[in-house]
């Protein structure tokens, strides 16, 4: 349950960073680095989440489900 909560929190942080990047892009009209920084944070969070998901799967903390058995 802790892993699911962490994943949801990181996904919300990614969405917040994406939204703030959009707002900075509209407000600054591309003349500042705030948009780039917000989108860089989003990319770092996305890559970190992916890496942690893979690590959690390999460690056995996260179990896949819904896979078809052929």
N, C-alpha and C. Protein backbone atom coordinates (compact mmCIF):
# COMPACT_ATOMS: atom_id res chain seq x y z
N UNK A 1 0.82 -1.19 0.00
CA UNK A 1 0.00 0.00 0.00
C UNK A 1 0.87 1.26 0.00
N UNK A 2 1.99 1.19 0.67
CA UNK A 2 2.91 2.33 0.71
C UNK A 2 3.48 2.62 -0.67
N UNK A 3 3.77 1.56 -1.43
CA UNK A 3 4.31 1.74 -2.77
C UNK A 3 3.29 2.42 -3.68
N UNK A 4 2.03 2.02 -3.58
CA UNK A 4 0.99 2.63 -4.41
C UNK A 4 0.81 4.11 -4.07
N UNK A 5 0.85 4.43 -2.80
CA UNK A 5 0.72 5.82 -2.37
C UNK A 5 1.88 6.66 -2.91
N UNK A 6 3.08 6.11 -2.84
CA UNK A 6 4.26 6.81 -3.34
C UNK A 6 4.16 7.04 -4.85
N UNK A 7 3.70 6.03 -5.58
CA UNK A 7 3.56 6.15 -7.03
C UNK A 7 2.55 7.24 -7.38
N UNK A 8 1.43 7.27 -6.68
CA UNK A 8 0.40 8.28 -6.94
C UNK A 8 0.93 9.67 -6.62
N UNK A 9 1.68 9.82 -5.54
CA UNK A 9 2.24 11.12 -5.19
C UNK A 9 3.24 11.61 -6.23
N UNK A 10 4.07 10.71 -6.73
CA UNK A 10 5.04 11.09 -7.76
C UNK A 10 4.31 11.45 -9.05
N UNK A 11 3.27 10.71 -9.41
CA UNK A 11 2.49 11.05 -10.60
C UNK A 11 1.83 12.42 -10.47
N UNK A 12 1.33 12.74 -9.28
CA UNK A 12 0.76 14.07 -9.06
C UNK A 12 1.82 15.16 -9.16
N UNK A 13 3.02 14.88 -8.67
CA UNK A 13 4.12 15.85 -8.79
C UNK A 13 4.50 16.05 -10.25
N UNK A 14 4.46 14.98 -11.04
CA UNK A 14 4.76 15.09 -12.47
C UNK A 14 3.70 15.96 -13.15
N UNK A 15 2.44 15.74 -12.83
CA UNK A 15 1.37 16.55 -13.42
C UNK A 15 1.47 18.01 -12.99
N UNK A 16 1.82 18.24 -11.73
CA UNK A 16 2.00 19.61 -11.24
C UNK A 16 3.13 20.31 -11.99
N UNK A 17 4.23 19.61 -12.20
CA UNK A 17 5.36 20.19 -12.92
C UNK A 17 5.00 20.47 -14.37
N UNK A 18 4.24 19.58 -14.98
CA UNK A 18 3.80 19.80 -16.36
C UNK A 18 2.88 21.02 -16.44
N UNK A 19 1.96 21.13 -15.50
CA UNK A 19 1.07 22.29 -15.47
C UNK A 19 1.80 23.59 -15.22
N UNK A 20 2.76 23.57 -14.31
CA UNK A 20 3.50 24.80 -14.04
C UNK A 20 4.35 25.19 -15.25
N UNK A 21 4.86 24.20 -15.97
CA UNK A 21 5.60 24.50 -17.20
C UNK A 21 4.71 25.18 -18.23
N UNK A 22 3.47 24.72 -18.34
CA UNK A 22 2.52 25.34 -19.27
C UNK A 22 2.21 26.77 -18.85
N UNK A 23 1.99 26.97 -17.56
CA UNK A 23 1.69 28.33 -17.08
C UNK A 23 2.88 29.26 -17.30
N UNK A 24 4.09 28.77 -17.02
CA UNK A 24 5.27 29.60 -17.24
C UNK A 24 5.45 29.91 -18.72
N UNK A 25 5.15 28.95 -19.58
CA UNK A 25 5.27 29.18 -21.02
C UNK A 25 4.31 30.27 -21.48
N UNK A 26 3.09 30.24 -20.96
CA UNK A 26 2.09 31.24 -21.35
C UNK A 26 2.44 32.61 -20.77
N UNK A 27 2.82 32.66 -19.51
CA UNK A 27 3.09 33.94 -18.86
C UNK A 27 4.35 34.60 -19.38
N UNK A 28 5.42 33.83 -19.55
CA UNK A 28 6.71 34.42 -19.91
C UNK A 28 6.91 34.54 -21.41
N UNK A 29 6.03 33.92 -22.19
CA UNK A 29 6.11 33.95 -23.65
C UNK A 29 7.45 33.45 -24.16
N UNK A 30 8.06 32.51 -23.43
CA UNK A 30 9.29 31.90 -23.87
C UNK A 30 10.54 32.71 -23.62
N UNK A 31 10.46 33.75 -22.78
CA UNK A 31 11.62 34.60 -22.56
C UNK A 31 12.35 34.34 -21.25
N UNK A 32 11.97 33.29 -20.53
CA UNK A 32 12.69 32.97 -19.30
C UNK A 32 12.99 31.48 -19.28
N UNK A 33 13.76 31.08 -18.29
CA UNK A 33 14.16 29.67 -18.19
C UNK A 33 13.26 28.88 -17.25
N UNK A 34 12.21 29.50 -16.72
CA UNK A 34 11.33 28.80 -15.78
C UNK A 34 10.64 27.61 -16.44
N UNK A 35 10.26 27.76 -17.70
CA UNK A 35 9.60 26.66 -18.41
C UNK A 35 10.55 25.49 -18.55
N UNK A 36 11.77 25.76 -18.93
CA UNK A 36 12.76 24.69 -19.11
C UNK A 36 13.03 23.99 -17.79
N UNK A 37 13.14 24.74 -16.72
CA UNK A 37 13.38 24.13 -15.41
C UNK A 37 12.21 23.27 -14.97
N UNK A 38 10.98 23.74 -15.19
CA UNK A 38 9.80 22.96 -14.80
C UNK A 38 9.72 21.66 -15.61
N UNK A 39 10.01 21.73 -16.89
CA UNK A 39 9.95 20.53 -17.72
C UNK A 39 11.12 19.59 -17.42
N UNK A 40 12.25 20.15 -17.03
CA UNK A 40 13.39 19.31 -16.62
C UNK A 40 13.04 18.54 -15.36
N UNK A 41 12.38 19.21 -14.43
CA UNK A 41 11.93 18.52 -13.20
C UNK A 41 10.97 17.40 -13.55
N UNK A 42 10.07 17.63 -14.51
CA UNK A 42 9.12 16.61 -14.92
C UNK A 42 9.84 15.40 -15.51
N UNK A 43 10.84 15.65 -16.34
CA UNK A 43 11.58 14.54 -16.95
C UNK A 43 12.35 13.76 -15.89
N UNK A 44 12.98 14.46 -14.96
CA UNK A 44 13.73 13.79 -13.90
C UNK A 44 12.78 12.94 -13.04
N UNK A 45 11.63 13.49 -12.70
CA UNK A 45 10.66 12.72 -11.90
C UNK A 45 10.15 11.50 -12.66
N UNK A 46 9.92 11.65 -13.96
CA UNK A 46 9.44 10.53 -14.76
C UNK A 46 10.47 9.42 -14.85
N UNK A 47 11.71 9.78 -15.10
CA UNK A 47 12.78 8.78 -15.19
C UNK A 47 13.01 8.12 -13.83
N UNK A 48 12.97 8.91 -12.77
CA UNK A 48 13.14 8.35 -11.42
C UNK A 48 12.01 7.40 -11.07
N UNK A 49 10.78 7.76 -11.44
CA UNK A 49 9.65 6.88 -11.17
C UNK A 49 9.79 5.57 -11.95
N UNK A 50 10.18 5.65 -13.20
CA UNK A 50 10.38 4.45 -13.99
C UNK A 50 11.45 3.56 -13.38
N UNK A 51 12.57 4.17 -12.98
CA UNK A 51 13.65 3.39 -12.37
C UNK A 51 13.20 2.76 -11.05
N UNK A 52 12.45 3.50 -10.25
CA UNK A 52 11.97 2.95 -8.98
C UNK A 52 10.94 1.85 -9.20
N UNK A 53 10.12 1.97 -10.23
CA UNK A 53 9.17 0.91 -10.56
C UNK A 53 9.90 -0.37 -10.96
N UNK A 54 10.95 -0.22 -11.77
CA UNK A 54 11.73 -1.40 -12.17
C UNK A 54 12.44 -2.01 -10.96
N UNK A 55 12.99 -1.17 -10.10
CA UNK A 55 13.66 -1.65 -8.89
C UNK A 55 12.67 -2.35 -7.96
N UNK A 56 11.48 -1.78 -7.81
CA UNK A 56 10.45 -2.39 -6.98
C UNK A 56 10.00 -3.73 -7.54
N UNK A 57 9.91 -3.83 -8.86
CA UNK A 57 9.54 -5.10 -9.48
C UNK A 57 10.63 -6.15 -9.25
N UNK A 58 11.88 -5.75 -9.46
CA UNK A 58 12.99 -6.70 -9.27
C UNK A 58 13.14 -7.12 -7.81
N UNK A 59 12.83 -6.22 -6.88
CA UNK A 59 12.93 -6.53 -5.46
C UNK A 59 11.72 -7.31 -4.96
N UNK A 60 10.67 -7.40 -5.77
CA UNK A 60 9.48 -8.13 -5.36
C UNK A 60 8.48 -7.31 -4.57
N UNK A 61 8.69 -6.02 -4.50
CA UNK A 61 7.77 -5.15 -3.77
C UNK A 61 6.50 -4.92 -4.59
N UNK A 62 6.67 -4.81 -5.90
CA UNK A 62 5.55 -4.58 -6.80
C UNK A 62 5.32 -5.85 -7.60
N UNK A 63 4.09 -6.34 -7.58
CA UNK A 63 3.73 -7.55 -8.32
C UNK A 63 2.84 -7.18 -9.50
N UNK A 64 3.21 -7.58 -10.70
CA UNK A 64 2.33 -7.30 -11.84
C UNK A 64 1.07 -8.17 -11.76
N UNK A 65 0.00 -7.67 -12.33
CA UNK A 65 -1.24 -8.44 -12.35
C UNK A 65 -1.95 -8.13 -13.67
N UNK A 66 -2.91 -8.96 -13.99
CA UNK A 66 -3.68 -8.74 -15.21
C UNK A 66 -2.98 -9.22 -16.46
N UNK A 67 -1.88 -9.93 -16.31
CA UNK A 67 -1.18 -10.46 -17.47
C UNK A 67 -1.86 -11.73 -17.94
N UNK A 68 -1.93 -11.90 -19.23
CA UNK A 68 -2.53 -13.10 -19.79
C UNK A 68 -1.54 -14.24 -19.79
N UNK A 69 -2.01 -15.41 -19.42
CA UNK A 69 -1.16 -16.59 -19.47
C UNK A 69 -1.45 -17.32 -20.78
N UNK A 70 -0.44 -17.44 -21.61
CA UNK A 70 -0.60 -18.14 -22.89
C UNK A 70 -0.01 -19.51 -22.80
